[in-house]
Protein backbone atom coordinates (compact mmCIF):
# COMPACT_ATOMS: atom_id res chain seq x y z
CA MET A 1 -43.11 -3.66 15.92
CA LYS A 2 -39.96 -5.63 15.04
CA ILE A 3 -37.60 -3.97 12.50
CA SER A 4 -35.30 -6.39 10.67
CA TYR A 5 -31.56 -6.01 10.82
CA MET A 6 -31.47 -5.33 7.06
CA TYR A 7 -33.49 -2.14 7.48
CA CYS A 8 -30.90 -0.94 9.97
CA LEU A 9 -28.16 -1.68 7.46
CA ILE A 10 -29.99 0.17 4.70
CA PHE A 11 -30.39 3.17 7.00
CA LEU A 12 -26.66 3.03 7.80
CA ALA A 13 -25.73 2.84 4.12
CA LEU A 14 -27.95 5.83 3.28
CA SER A 15 -26.38 7.76 6.14
CA LEU A 16 -22.91 7.02 4.77
CA LEU A 17 -23.90 8.13 1.28
CA THR A 18 -25.35 11.35 2.68
CA ALA A 19 -22.11 11.99 4.56
CA PHE A 20 -20.14 11.81 1.32
CA THR A 21 -22.37 14.06 -0.75
CA PRO A 22 -20.52 17.29 -1.62
CA ALA A 23 -21.93 20.20 0.31
CA SER A 24 -20.92 23.59 1.60
CA SER A 25 -21.58 22.89 5.26
CA SER A 26 -18.65 23.60 7.55
CA ASN A 27 -19.59 21.20 10.33
CA GLY A 28 -16.94 18.69 9.13
CA LEU A 29 -19.44 15.87 8.69
CA ASP A 30 -19.91 16.36 4.96
CA GLY A 31 -17.74 17.61 2.16
CA PRO A 32 -15.97 16.50 -0.99
CA PHE A 33 -15.68 12.93 -2.11
CA TYR A 34 -12.04 12.02 -2.76
CA ASP A 35 -11.27 11.74 -6.48
CA SER A 36 -8.94 8.79 -7.14
CA THR A 37 -8.57 9.60 -10.84
CA ALA A 38 -5.01 9.30 -12.10
CA TYR A 39 -3.27 9.26 -15.47
CA THR A 40 0.13 7.87 -16.39
CA GLU A 41 0.17 8.31 -20.16
CA CYS A 42 1.28 11.55 -21.77
CA ARG A 43 -1.76 13.07 -23.50
CA ALA A 44 -2.29 15.40 -26.40
CA GLU A 45 -4.68 17.51 -24.33
CA ALA A 46 -4.90 18.12 -20.60
CA GLU A 47 -8.00 16.72 -18.91
CA LYS A 48 -10.36 18.88 -16.87
CA PRO A 49 -9.16 19.71 -13.33
CA LEU A 50 -10.18 17.44 -10.48
CA TYR A 51 -12.78 18.95 -8.10
CA ASN A 52 -13.42 21.57 -10.79
CA GLY A 53 -10.20 23.20 -9.62
CA GLY A 54 -11.12 23.48 -5.95
CA MET A 55 -9.28 26.40 -4.38
CA LEU A 56 -7.55 27.09 -7.70
CA LYS A 57 -10.73 27.37 -9.76
CA ASP A 58 -10.25 30.03 -12.42
CA GLN A 59 -6.86 31.01 -10.97
CA LYS A 60 -4.11 31.46 -13.55
CA PRO A 61 -0.49 30.78 -12.62
CA SER A 62 1.91 33.64 -12.37
CA VAL A 63 5.48 33.37 -13.59
CA SER A 64 8.14 34.11 -10.98
CA GLY A 65 11.87 34.18 -11.01
CA ARG A 66 13.15 31.10 -9.28
CA ASP A 67 15.80 33.13 -7.47
CA SER A 68 13.02 34.90 -5.61
CA LEU A 69 11.72 31.54 -4.42
CA THR A 70 14.87 29.59 -3.67
CA GLY A 71 17.73 32.01 -3.99
CA ILE A 72 19.25 29.85 -6.73
CA GLY A 73 19.50 30.66 -10.41
CA ALA A 74 17.50 32.94 -12.66
CA ARG A 75 15.07 30.41 -14.12
CA TYR A 76 11.40 31.34 -14.26
CA THR A 77 8.70 28.96 -13.08
CA PRO A 78 4.88 28.84 -12.93
CA THR A 79 3.61 29.62 -9.44
CA TYR A 80 0.34 29.74 -7.54
CA ILE A 81 -0.21 32.02 -4.57
CA LEU A 82 -2.26 30.29 -1.88
CA HIS A 83 -3.94 32.25 0.88
CA ASN A 84 -5.00 31.22 4.38
CA LEU A 85 -3.96 27.57 4.42
CA THR A 86 -5.07 26.04 7.69
CA HIS A 87 -3.48 23.82 10.27
CA ASN A 88 -4.03 20.05 9.99
CA THR A 89 -6.01 20.30 6.78
CA ILE A 90 -5.14 17.75 4.10
CA TYR A 91 -4.67 19.40 0.70
CA CYS A 92 -4.89 17.28 -2.46
CA PHE A 93 -3.16 18.82 -5.44
CA SER A 94 -3.06 17.93 -9.15
CA ILE A 95 -1.99 19.64 -12.36
CA TRP A 96 -1.05 18.86 -15.96
CA VAL A 97 2.49 19.76 -17.05
CA LYS A 98 4.11 20.06 -20.47
CA ILE A 99 7.62 21.02 -21.55
CA GLU A 100 7.42 23.83 -24.08
CA ALA A 101 11.13 24.15 -24.81
CA GLY A 102 14.61 23.26 -23.58
CA ALA A 103 14.39 19.46 -23.26
CA THR A 104 12.53 16.40 -24.50
CA SER A 105 11.74 15.25 -20.95
CA ALA A 106 12.47 16.23 -17.37
CA ARG A 107 11.34 15.39 -13.87
CA VAL A 108 9.18 18.16 -12.49
CA ARG A 109 8.77 18.58 -8.76
CA ALA A 110 6.08 20.68 -7.07
CA ARG A 111 7.31 22.52 -3.98
CA LEU A 112 5.48 24.57 -1.38
CA ARG A 113 6.86 27.53 0.53
CA ALA A 114 4.64 28.44 3.49
CA ASP A 115 5.08 31.04 6.23
CA ASN A 116 7.13 28.81 8.52
CA THR A 117 8.29 25.91 6.37
CA THR A 118 9.24 24.72 2.91
CA LEU A 119 8.03 21.34 1.66
CA ASN A 120 10.57 20.17 -0.88
CA CYS A 121 8.23 17.85 -2.75
CA VAL A 122 4.43 17.70 -2.69
CA GLY A 123 4.18 15.87 -6.01
CA SER A 124 6.29 15.02 -9.04
CA VAL A 125 5.96 13.83 -12.61
CA THR A 126 8.17 13.03 -15.57
CA ALA A 127 7.10 15.71 -18.02
CA LYS A 128 7.66 15.51 -21.78
CA HIS A 129 7.90 17.86 -24.70
CA GLY A 130 4.76 18.27 -26.77
CA CYS A 131 2.28 16.35 -24.59
CA TRP A 132 0.69 16.71 -21.16
CA SER A 133 1.70 14.67 -18.07
CA PHE A 134 -0.39 14.40 -14.91
CA LEU A 135 1.13 15.38 -11.58
CA LYS A 136 -0.79 14.34 -8.48
CA GLY A 137 0.19 14.91 -4.87
CA GLY A 138 -0.69 16.83 -1.75
CA PHE A 139 0.46 18.15 1.59
CA LEU A 140 -0.36 18.85 5.22
CA LEU A 141 0.85 21.85 7.20
CA ASP A 142 1.76 21.75 10.90
CA SER A 143 0.78 25.40 11.34
CA PRO A 144 -1.41 27.90 9.47
CA SER A 145 0.06 29.93 6.63
CA ASN A 146 -1.32 33.30 5.57
CA GLN A 147 0.39 33.21 2.20
CA SER A 148 2.06 30.22 0.56
CA ILE A 149 3.69 29.74 -2.83
CA LEU A 150 3.27 26.56 -4.86
CA PHE A 151 5.90 26.37 -7.57
CA PHE A 152 7.64 23.91 -9.89
CA GLU A 153 11.21 23.03 -10.67
CA THR A 154 12.96 20.53 -12.89
CA SER A 155 15.43 18.10 -11.41
CA ASN A 156 18.19 18.82 -13.89
CA ASP A 157 18.17 22.52 -12.98
CA ASP A 158 18.24 23.56 -16.63
CA SER A 159 17.38 27.24 -16.93
CA LYS A 160 16.45 26.76 -20.61
CA ILE A 161 13.51 24.45 -19.82
CA GLN A 162 10.16 26.17 -20.17
CA LEU A 163 7.14 24.62 -18.50
CA GLN A 164 3.48 25.03 -19.29
CA VAL A 165 0.79 24.01 -16.80
CA ALA A 166 -2.97 23.50 -17.04
CA SER A 167 -6.02 22.27 -15.11
CA ALA A 168 -4.56 22.94 -11.68
CA SER A 169 -6.59 21.79 -8.67
CA LEU A 170 -6.21 22.15 -4.92
CA GLN A 171 -8.88 20.53 -2.74
CA PRO A 172 -8.86 20.76 1.08
CA PHE A 173 -10.15 18.00 3.34
CA THR A 174 -10.63 18.29 7.06
CA GLN A 175 -9.27 15.40 9.09
CA GLU A 176 -12.82 14.18 9.63
CA GLN A 177 -13.67 14.40 5.94
CA TRP A 178 -10.53 12.47 5.08
CA ARG A 179 -11.34 9.77 7.60
CA ASN A 180 -14.93 9.57 6.34
CA ASN A 181 -13.62 9.02 2.82
CA GLN A 182 -11.34 6.26 4.09
CA ASP A 183 -14.27 4.63 5.89
CA TYR A 184 -16.33 4.79 2.71
CA TYR A 185 -13.65 2.92 0.75
CA ILE A 186 -13.23 0.40 3.57
CA ASN A 187 -16.98 -0.23 3.63
CA THR A 188 -17.17 -0.65 -0.14
CA ALA A 189 -13.86 -2.38 -0.99
CA ARG A 190 -13.21 -4.48 2.13
CA LYS A 191 -16.75 -5.47 3.15
CA ARG A 192 -19.87 -6.98 1.63
CA ALA A 193 -23.48 -7.47 2.59
CA VAL A 194 -24.52 -11.02 3.54
CA THR A 195 -27.97 -12.52 3.98
CA ILE A 196 -28.33 -15.85 5.78
CA HIS A 197 -31.48 -17.79 4.84
CA VAL A 198 -32.68 -20.68 7.03
CA SER A 199 -35.36 -23.10 5.89
CA GLU A 200 -36.69 -26.54 6.67
CA GLU A 201 -36.21 -29.47 4.29
CA ASN A 202 -39.56 -28.75 2.69
CA GLY A 203 -38.44 -25.20 1.89
CA GLU A 204 -40.49 -23.45 4.55
CA SER A 205 -38.71 -20.41 6.00
CA VAL A 206 -37.70 -20.78 9.66
CA GLU A 207 -38.46 -17.82 11.89
CA GLY A 208 -36.75 -17.60 15.26
CA ALA A 209 -33.67 -19.73 14.48
CA GLU A 210 -30.59 -18.67 16.46
CA VAL A 211 -27.71 -17.94 14.09
CA THR A 212 -24.08 -17.37 15.07
CA VAL A 213 -21.56 -16.17 12.47
CA GLU A 214 -17.81 -16.02 13.13
CA GLN A 215 -15.06 -14.84 10.79
CA ILE A 216 -12.23 -17.39 10.83
CA SER A 217 -9.85 -15.81 8.30
CA LYS A 218 -9.44 -12.50 6.52
CA ASP A 219 -9.11 -11.82 2.81
CA PHE A 220 -6.75 -8.89 3.41
CA PRO A 221 -3.49 -10.15 4.96
CA ILE A 222 -1.79 -8.04 7.60
CA GLY A 223 1.47 -9.56 8.77
CA SER A 224 4.89 -8.88 10.17
CA ALA A 225 8.43 -9.89 9.45
CA ILE A 226 10.04 -12.56 11.61
CA SER A 227 13.63 -13.60 12.07
CA LYS A 228 15.44 -16.58 13.53
CA THR A 229 14.76 -15.12 16.99
CA ILE A 230 11.28 -16.62 16.87
CA LEU A 231 12.67 -20.17 16.74
CA GLY A 232 12.29 -21.92 20.09
CA ASN A 233 10.85 -18.74 21.61
CA ILE A 234 7.39 -19.92 22.68
CA PRO A 235 6.18 -16.56 24.10
CA TYR A 236 7.18 -14.84 20.86
CA GLN A 237 5.46 -17.51 18.77
CA GLU A 238 2.25 -17.31 20.80
CA TRP A 239 2.23 -13.52 20.61
CA PHE A 240 2.78 -13.63 16.83
CA VAL A 241 0.25 -16.34 15.96
CA LYS A 242 -2.44 -14.65 18.02
CA ARG A 243 -2.24 -11.61 15.73
CA PHE A 244 -0.86 -12.32 12.29
CA ASP A 245 -1.85 -14.49 9.35
CA ALA A 246 1.06 -13.48 7.10
CA THR A 247 4.81 -13.10 7.42
CA VAL A 248 8.08 -12.55 5.63
CA PHE A 249 11.56 -13.69 6.68
CA GLU A 250 13.66 -10.65 7.49
CA ASN A 251 17.09 -11.89 6.36
CA GLU A 252 17.17 -15.68 6.41
CA LEU A 253 16.41 -16.20 2.68
CA LYS A 254 18.84 -13.59 1.41
CA TRP A 255 21.78 -14.88 -0.56
CA TYR A 256 24.34 -13.88 2.06
CA ALA A 257 22.41 -15.99 4.59
CA THR A 258 21.85 -19.14 2.52
CA GLU A 259 25.27 -19.27 0.81
CA PRO A 260 27.81 -17.22 2.75
CA ASP A 261 30.61 -19.23 1.14
CA GLN A 262 30.51 -20.32 -2.47
CA GLY A 263 28.97 -23.74 -2.91
CA LYS A 264 28.16 -24.16 0.79
CA LEU A 265 24.38 -23.92 0.93
CA ASN A 266 22.74 -23.61 4.32
CA TYR A 267 18.95 -23.46 4.56
CA THR A 268 18.76 -24.64 8.16
CA LEU A 269 17.26 -21.47 9.65
CA ALA A 270 14.92 -20.84 6.71
CA ASP A 271 13.69 -24.45 6.87
CA LYS A 272 12.92 -24.17 10.59
CA MET A 273 11.11 -20.88 10.05
CA MET A 274 9.09 -22.46 7.23
CA ASN A 275 8.11 -25.27 9.60
CA PHE A 276 6.74 -22.62 11.97
CA VAL A 277 4.82 -21.04 9.09
CA ARG A 278 3.32 -24.36 8.01
CA ALA A 279 2.40 -25.43 11.53
CA ASN A 280 0.43 -22.24 12.10
CA ARG A 281 -1.19 -21.95 8.65
CA ILE A 282 0.49 -18.61 7.91
CA ILE A 283 1.10 -17.32 4.38
CA ALA A 284 4.63 -16.14 3.67
CA ARG A 285 6.30 -13.78 1.21
CA GLY A 286 9.69 -14.78 -0.21
CA HIS A 287 12.24 -12.04 0.38
CA ASN A 288 14.40 -11.87 -1.62
CA ILE A 289 16.00 -13.72 -4.54
CA PHE A 290 18.41 -10.96 -5.52
CA TRP A 291 19.34 -7.64 -3.96
CA GLU A 292 20.74 -5.04 -6.32
CA ASP A 293 22.63 -3.25 -3.54
CA PRO A 294 26.19 -4.65 -3.77
CA LYS A 295 26.88 -4.44 -0.04
CA TYR A 296 24.11 -6.96 0.67
CA ASN A 297 25.51 -9.61 -1.64
CA PRO A 298 27.92 -12.27 -0.35
CA ASN A 299 31.57 -11.24 -0.52
CA TRP A 300 32.36 -14.02 -2.97
CA VAL A 301 29.57 -12.92 -5.31
CA ARG A 302 30.90 -9.36 -5.37
CA ASN A 303 34.18 -10.73 -6.73
CA LEU A 304 32.56 -12.54 -9.66
CA THR A 305 32.22 -11.20 -13.18
CA GLY A 306 30.99 -12.33 -16.56
CA GLU A 307 30.12 -15.98 -17.05
CA ASP A 308 31.13 -16.91 -13.48
CA LEU A 309 28.57 -14.48 -12.09
CA ARG A 310 25.93 -15.65 -14.57
CA LEU A 311 26.40 -19.28 -13.53
CA ALA A 312 26.21 -18.34 -9.84
CA VAL A 313 22.99 -16.39 -10.46
CA ASN A 314 21.38 -19.32 -12.25
CA ARG A 315 22.36 -21.72 -9.48
CA ARG A 316 20.93 -19.34 -6.88
CA ILE A 317 17.53 -19.14 -8.57
CA LYS A 318 17.33 -22.89 -9.17
CA SER A 319 18.45 -23.85 -5.67
CA LEU A 320 16.26 -21.40 -3.75
CA MET A 321 13.08 -21.69 -5.77
CA THR A 322 13.20 -25.43 -6.30
CA ARG A 323 13.59 -25.98 -2.58
CA TYR A 324 10.61 -23.78 -1.70
CA ARG A 325 8.44 -24.25 -4.77
CA GLY A 326 4.83 -23.60 -3.81
CA GLU A 327 5.71 -22.48 -0.27
CA PHE A 328 5.89 -18.71 -0.72
CA VAL A 329 2.94 -16.81 -2.17
CA HIS A 330 5.24 -14.01 -3.38
CA TRP A 331 8.86 -13.58 -4.35
CA ASP A 332 10.69 -10.27 -4.33
CA VAL A 333 12.69 -11.17 -7.40
CA SER A 334 14.78 -8.05 -7.73
CA ASN A 335 15.06 -5.92 -4.62
CA GLU A 336 15.69 -2.16 -4.93
CA MET A 337 16.53 -2.17 -8.62
CA LEU A 338 15.52 1.49 -8.91
CA HIS A 339 18.33 2.48 -6.57
CA PHE A 340 21.08 -0.02 -7.39
CA ASP A 341 22.34 -1.99 -10.39
CA PHE A 342 24.82 -4.57 -9.11
CA TYR A 343 23.74 -7.26 -11.59
CA GLU A 344 22.95 -5.09 -14.57
CA SER A 345 26.30 -3.30 -14.33
CA ARG A 346 28.03 -6.70 -14.55
CA LEU A 347 25.71 -8.80 -16.70
CA GLY A 348 24.35 -6.14 -19.02
CA LYS A 349 21.37 -3.79 -19.16
CA ASN A 350 18.09 -5.50 -18.28
CA ALA A 351 19.87 -8.57 -16.95
CA SER A 352 17.58 -8.44 -13.92
CA TYR A 353 14.57 -9.00 -16.16
CA GLY A 354 15.83 -12.46 -16.94
CA PHE A 355 15.53 -13.29 -13.25
CA PHE A 356 11.76 -12.96 -13.53
CA ALA A 357 11.62 -15.38 -16.45
CA ALA A 358 13.76 -17.93 -14.60
CA ALA A 359 11.71 -17.62 -11.41
CA ARG A 360 8.47 -18.00 -13.38
CA GLU A 361 9.74 -21.19 -14.99
CA ILE A 362 10.43 -22.83 -11.60
CA ASP A 363 7.41 -21.61 -9.64
CA SER A 364 4.64 -20.58 -11.99
CA LEU A 365 2.10 -19.97 -9.20
CA ALA A 366 4.08 -17.49 -7.12
CA THR A 367 3.37 -13.77 -7.59
CA LEU A 368 6.59 -12.07 -8.69
CA PHE A 369 7.37 -8.59 -7.34
CA PHE A 370 10.02 -6.03 -7.62
CA ASN A 371 10.36 -4.23 -4.35
CA ASP A 372 11.76 -0.78 -3.59
CA PHE A 373 11.83 2.06 -1.08
CA ASN A 374 10.94 5.75 -1.27
CA VAL A 375 8.29 5.15 -3.90
CA VAL A 376 5.33 5.79 -1.64
CA GLU A 377 7.12 7.47 1.27
CA THR A 378 8.21 10.60 -0.58
CA CYS A 379 8.61 12.17 -4.01
CA SER A 380 11.99 13.73 -3.20
CA ASP A 381 14.02 10.65 -4.16
CA GLU A 382 14.80 11.12 -7.84
CA LYS A 383 15.62 7.42 -8.31
CA SER A 384 12.26 6.11 -7.14
CA THR A 385 9.54 8.52 -8.13
CA VAL A 386 6.21 6.94 -8.98
CA ASP A 387 6.87 7.63 -12.67
CA GLU A 388 10.25 5.88 -12.48
CA TYR A 389 8.59 2.84 -10.92
CA ILE A 390 5.86 2.77 -13.56
CA ALA A 391 8.37 3.20 -16.37
CA ARG A 392 10.43 0.26 -15.09
CA VAL A 393 7.38 -1.97 -14.83
CA ARG A 394 6.32 -1.15 -18.37
CA GLU A 395 9.83 -1.66 -19.65
CA LEU A 396 9.95 -5.08 -18.01
CA GLN A 397 6.58 -6.02 -19.51
CA ARG A 398 7.89 -5.16 -22.97
CA TYR A 399 11.07 -7.19 -22.52
CA ASP A 400 10.48 -10.48 -24.35
CA GLY A 401 7.04 -10.82 -22.82
CA ILE A 402 8.32 -11.21 -19.25
CA ARG A 403 5.62 -10.85 -16.63
CA MET A 404 5.98 -9.00 -13.36
CA ASP A 405 2.94 -9.62 -11.18
CA GLY A 406 3.12 -7.35 -8.16
CA ILE A 407 4.10 -3.89 -6.96
CA GLY A 408 6.17 -4.01 -3.77
CA LEU A 409 6.38 -0.76 -1.78
CA GLU A 410 8.65 -0.98 1.24
CA GLY A 411 7.20 1.94 3.18
CA HIS A 412 9.94 3.02 5.60
CA PHE A 413 8.38 6.30 6.74
CA THR A 414 9.55 9.17 8.89
CA THR A 415 6.69 11.68 8.65
CA PRO A 416 3.95 10.36 6.36
CA ASN A 417 2.31 12.67 3.87
CA VAL A 418 -1.05 10.91 3.54
CA ALA A 419 -2.25 13.00 0.59
CA LEU A 420 0.93 12.25 -1.36
CA MET A 421 0.80 8.57 -0.37
CA ARG A 422 -2.75 8.23 -1.68
CA ALA A 423 -1.92 10.10 -4.89
CA ILE A 424 1.01 7.78 -5.58
CA LEU A 425 -1.14 4.72 -4.92
CA ASP A 426 -3.72 6.13 -7.34
CA LYS A 427 -1.11 6.37 -10.09
CA LEU A 428 0.31 2.91 -9.39
CA ALA A 429 -3.21 1.50 -9.47
CA THR A 430 -3.41 2.36 -13.17
CA LEU A 431 -1.04 -0.57 -13.79
CA GLN A 432 -3.80 -2.91 -12.58
CA LEU A 433 -1.35 -5.06 -10.62
CA PRO A 434 -1.58 -6.18 -6.98
CA ILE A 435 -0.01 -3.59 -4.68
CA TRP A 436 1.51 -4.62 -1.34
CA LEU A 437 3.04 -2.46 1.36
CA THR A 438 5.88 -4.84 2.10
CA GLU A 439 8.06 -3.42 4.89
CA ILE A 440 6.05 -0.88 6.84
CA ASP A 441 7.67 0.88 9.78
CA ILE A 442 8.18 4.36 11.22
CA SER A 443 11.64 5.78 11.86
CA SER A 444 13.29 5.16 15.22
CA SER A 445 14.29 8.84 15.22
CA LEU A 446 10.78 9.46 16.58
CA ASP A 447 9.46 8.63 20.04
CA HIS A 448 7.16 5.64 20.56
CA ARG A 449 4.01 7.72 20.78
CA THR A 450 4.71 9.55 17.53
CA GLN A 451 5.59 6.29 15.82
CA ALA A 452 2.17 4.95 16.80
CA ILE A 453 0.33 8.03 15.50
CA TYR A 454 2.09 7.87 12.15
CA LEU A 455 1.71 4.09 11.90
CA GLU A 456 -2.04 4.41 12.29
CA GLN A 457 -2.11 6.93 9.43
CA VAL A 458 -0.12 4.64 7.13
CA LEU A 459 -2.18 1.55 7.96
CA ARG A 460 -5.46 3.35 7.31
CA GLU A 461 -4.19 4.71 3.99
CA GLY A 462 -3.09 1.25 2.90
CA PHE A 463 -6.18 -0.62 4.07
CA SER A 464 -8.61 1.91 2.63
CA HIS A 465 -7.04 2.07 -0.83
CA PRO A 466 -8.92 -0.44 -3.02
CA SER A 467 -5.81 -1.41 -5.02
CA VAL A 468 -3.72 -2.43 -2.02
CA ASN A 469 -3.93 -6.19 -1.41
CA GLY A 470 -1.92 -6.63 1.79
CA ILE A 471 0.33 -5.02 4.38
CA MET A 472 3.51 -6.39 5.93
CA LEU A 473 5.13 -4.72 8.94
CA TRP A 474 8.92 -4.69 9.22
CA THR A 475 8.99 -5.38 12.95
CA ALA A 476 10.95 -8.59 13.54
CA LEU A 477 12.02 -8.62 17.18
CA HIS A 478 15.69 -9.00 18.16
CA PRO A 479 17.38 -8.93 21.57
CA ASN A 480 18.50 -5.36 20.86
CA GLY A 481 15.17 -4.24 19.42
CA CYS A 482 13.93 -4.01 15.83
CA TYR A 483 15.12 -2.54 12.55
CA GLN A 484 13.31 0.76 13.22
CA MET A 485 10.04 0.12 15.04
CA CYS A 486 9.04 -2.52 17.57
CA LEU A 487 5.51 -3.50 18.49
CA THR A 488 6.45 -4.87 21.92
CA ASP A 489 9.22 -4.80 24.45
CA ASP A 490 11.31 -7.90 25.18
CA LYS A 491 8.62 -9.14 27.61
CA PHE A 492 5.96 -8.95 24.87
CA ARG A 493 4.22 -6.01 26.47
CA ASN A 494 2.80 -3.81 23.76
CA LEU A 495 4.45 -0.54 22.88
CA PRO A 496 2.15 2.19 21.50
CA ALA A 497 2.69 0.92 17.94
CA GLY A 498 1.65 -2.54 19.07
CA ASP A 499 -1.55 -1.14 20.53
CA VAL A 500 -2.32 0.50 17.17
CA VAL A 501 -1.80 -2.79 15.34
CA ASP A 502 -3.99 -4.70 17.77
CA GLN A 503 -6.69 -2.07 17.44
CA LYS A 504 -6.62 -2.21 13.62
CA LEU A 505 -6.65 -6.03 13.56
CA LEU A 506 -9.75 -6.00 15.75
CA GLU A 507 -11.41 -3.13 13.89
CA TRP A 508 -10.89 -4.73 10.47
CA LYS A 509 -12.34 -8.11 11.33
CA THR A 510 -16.03 -8.98 11.65
CA ARG A 511 -16.82 -9.60 15.28
CA GLU A 512 -19.00 -12.55 16.20
CA VAL A 513 -22.54 -11.95 14.96
CA LYS A 514 -25.52 -13.42 16.82
CA ALA A 515 -29.05 -12.94 15.57
CA THR A 516 -32.47 -14.53 15.22
CA THR A 517 -34.02 -15.08 11.82
CA ASP A 518 -37.01 -12.88 10.94
CA ASP A 519 -40.38 -13.90 9.54
CA HIS A 520 -38.71 -14.56 6.17
CA GLY A 521 -36.26 -16.95 7.80
CA SER A 522 -33.30 -14.65 7.25
CA PHE A 523 -31.02 -12.04 8.75
CA SER A 524 -28.36 -9.80 7.20
CA PHE A 525 -25.10 -8.14 8.13
CA PHE A 526 -22.05 -6.42 6.59
CA GLY A 527 -18.87 -8.45 6.93
CA PHE A 528 -15.22 -8.06 6.07
CA LEU A 529 -14.10 -10.27 3.21
CA GLY A 530 -12.80 -13.69 4.19
CA GLU A 531 -13.88 -17.09 5.45
CA TYR A 532 -16.77 -17.61 7.88
CA ARG A 533 -18.19 -20.30 10.12
CA VAL A 534 -21.94 -20.29 10.74
CA GLY A 535 -23.97 -22.23 13.30
CA ILE A 536 -27.77 -22.56 13.57
CA ILE A 537 -29.85 -23.73 16.52
CA TYR A 538 -33.59 -24.29 16.21
CA GLN A 539 -35.90 -26.42 18.35
CA GLY A 540 -33.06 -28.55 19.63
CA LYS A 541 -31.48 -29.07 16.20
CA THR A 542 -28.00 -27.78 15.34
CA VAL A 543 -26.44 -27.21 11.92
CA ASN A 544 -22.87 -26.01 11.29
CA SER A 545 -21.58 -24.77 7.95
CA SER A 546 -19.15 -22.31 6.39
CA PHE A 547 -19.00 -19.85 3.53
CA SER A 548 -16.55 -17.54 1.75
CA LEU A 549 -17.12 -13.84 1.38
CA SER A 550 -15.29 -12.47 -1.64
CA GLN A 551 -15.44 -9.04 -3.20
CA GLY A 552 -18.56 -8.23 -5.19
CA PRO A 553 -21.18 -5.51 -5.57
CA GLU A 554 -24.13 -7.76 -4.81
CA THR A 555 -25.36 -9.16 -1.52
CA LYS A 556 -23.97 -12.61 -0.77
CA HIS A 557 -26.83 -15.07 -0.10
CA VAL A 558 -26.15 -18.15 2.04
CA ARG A 559 -28.98 -20.71 2.17
CA LEU A 560 -28.98 -23.33 4.92
CA GLN A 561 -31.41 -26.05 5.94
CA ILE A 562 -32.19 -27.29 9.43
């Protein structure tokens, strides 16, 4: 008896659903379904705890002197005592926080003290007086801890601030459970069911037709930075084009590169790199129009003030964006504006917002980003917490109706905290804007093997989060290496990180599908979103066609005649 391919797919789907049904089994194959719920508005009442509280169900916080936790000050803070935390378990944590007295608002950081280590930040939130704010984060321990303390502190170290907490939740995931959750999101957000129907001109279904389906492009771009070193370097170009469908210029579009001396524009390198992009049908991000860090502005720009600086800024936008109108799918309009304020300190508060309006006027089809670091990598950086990023986006959206289209997260990691990374992405997703990981790498302070392990974690987190639209690696190759992480050596032999990238590119693309139509003239498969080529052979006849597979809950039906 012949069983159609669709029945196999249905069985697979049911198996996946069974795997994600909450259960008490300890075999690691089933367990909790990850809760992506997040809130960014301060609320009159705290919501119910995620996972019904998990390990903290019905546990009330104690109040401890902060000096007993950190040895600093006499402030008292809510704490939770956690017992028997295990090695390599991923713990997802959330809680609602309110300031009872002492301030109108304050940044609140959750810290964890375990037997052998202290994690300085496992989640943070900007808490306010009189309403509840949602803190979401998590952690992973390198070794077991018999007794750990989860506690809270405010960034301004004000002993008069009194915090109230509610609806605390701590949910453990084994590594296998976490990976199963990622696979579920990949299968639902990045793939879709397809049924190919083959019939004759009279409408009769054709049984036994040979069908070949090949994915020719992917809907989710994964790319890498390039620099001028790729120009004229045929081995580098061949290596790059074989793998990537997206890129960003590392430095060649930055103001110091295109106008090192006032009035002397030089787009030679950027033009040549754009020719390479066009010739190989690669999409490119524009990085960047302005950089708020003063040391990365041309020397002559740093010496300008007032109207002279304003005129130079306007000329920069007009020159750069007119030249490349329609060429770059994105522009990082204001780079690292959470950390630096070169332009706003000279041109007035919110001056950077005007850059978005000017860029929109010249290239209305480009997606405009502001791009920053330490948003998704950590919550320890007070300048770039997830709440700071969200507040800046909302402020920009209120400023004379200016539109900012995309969330740019650089992603320069040392040791990734995958639970925290996912929690931050959940909160950013509430903005309902495209999210891109724009400059992914792992610190060169780590060996190549460790870099590869951590890179795989970051890539899976990004690809499996439904609100992330693309990933760009910051791995442009130079004679002396790369910024932090290389994928190959200078002979284009893969390093461990390169092997991880190649594996993910293969894993996240539909491999060639060959099948024979059933007695209904059809066959089905699950495919990654993107563009496809399909060929049919039946009784000496051949038909070639193509179709697009976009996101949607329903099966995509493709009807072809032979």
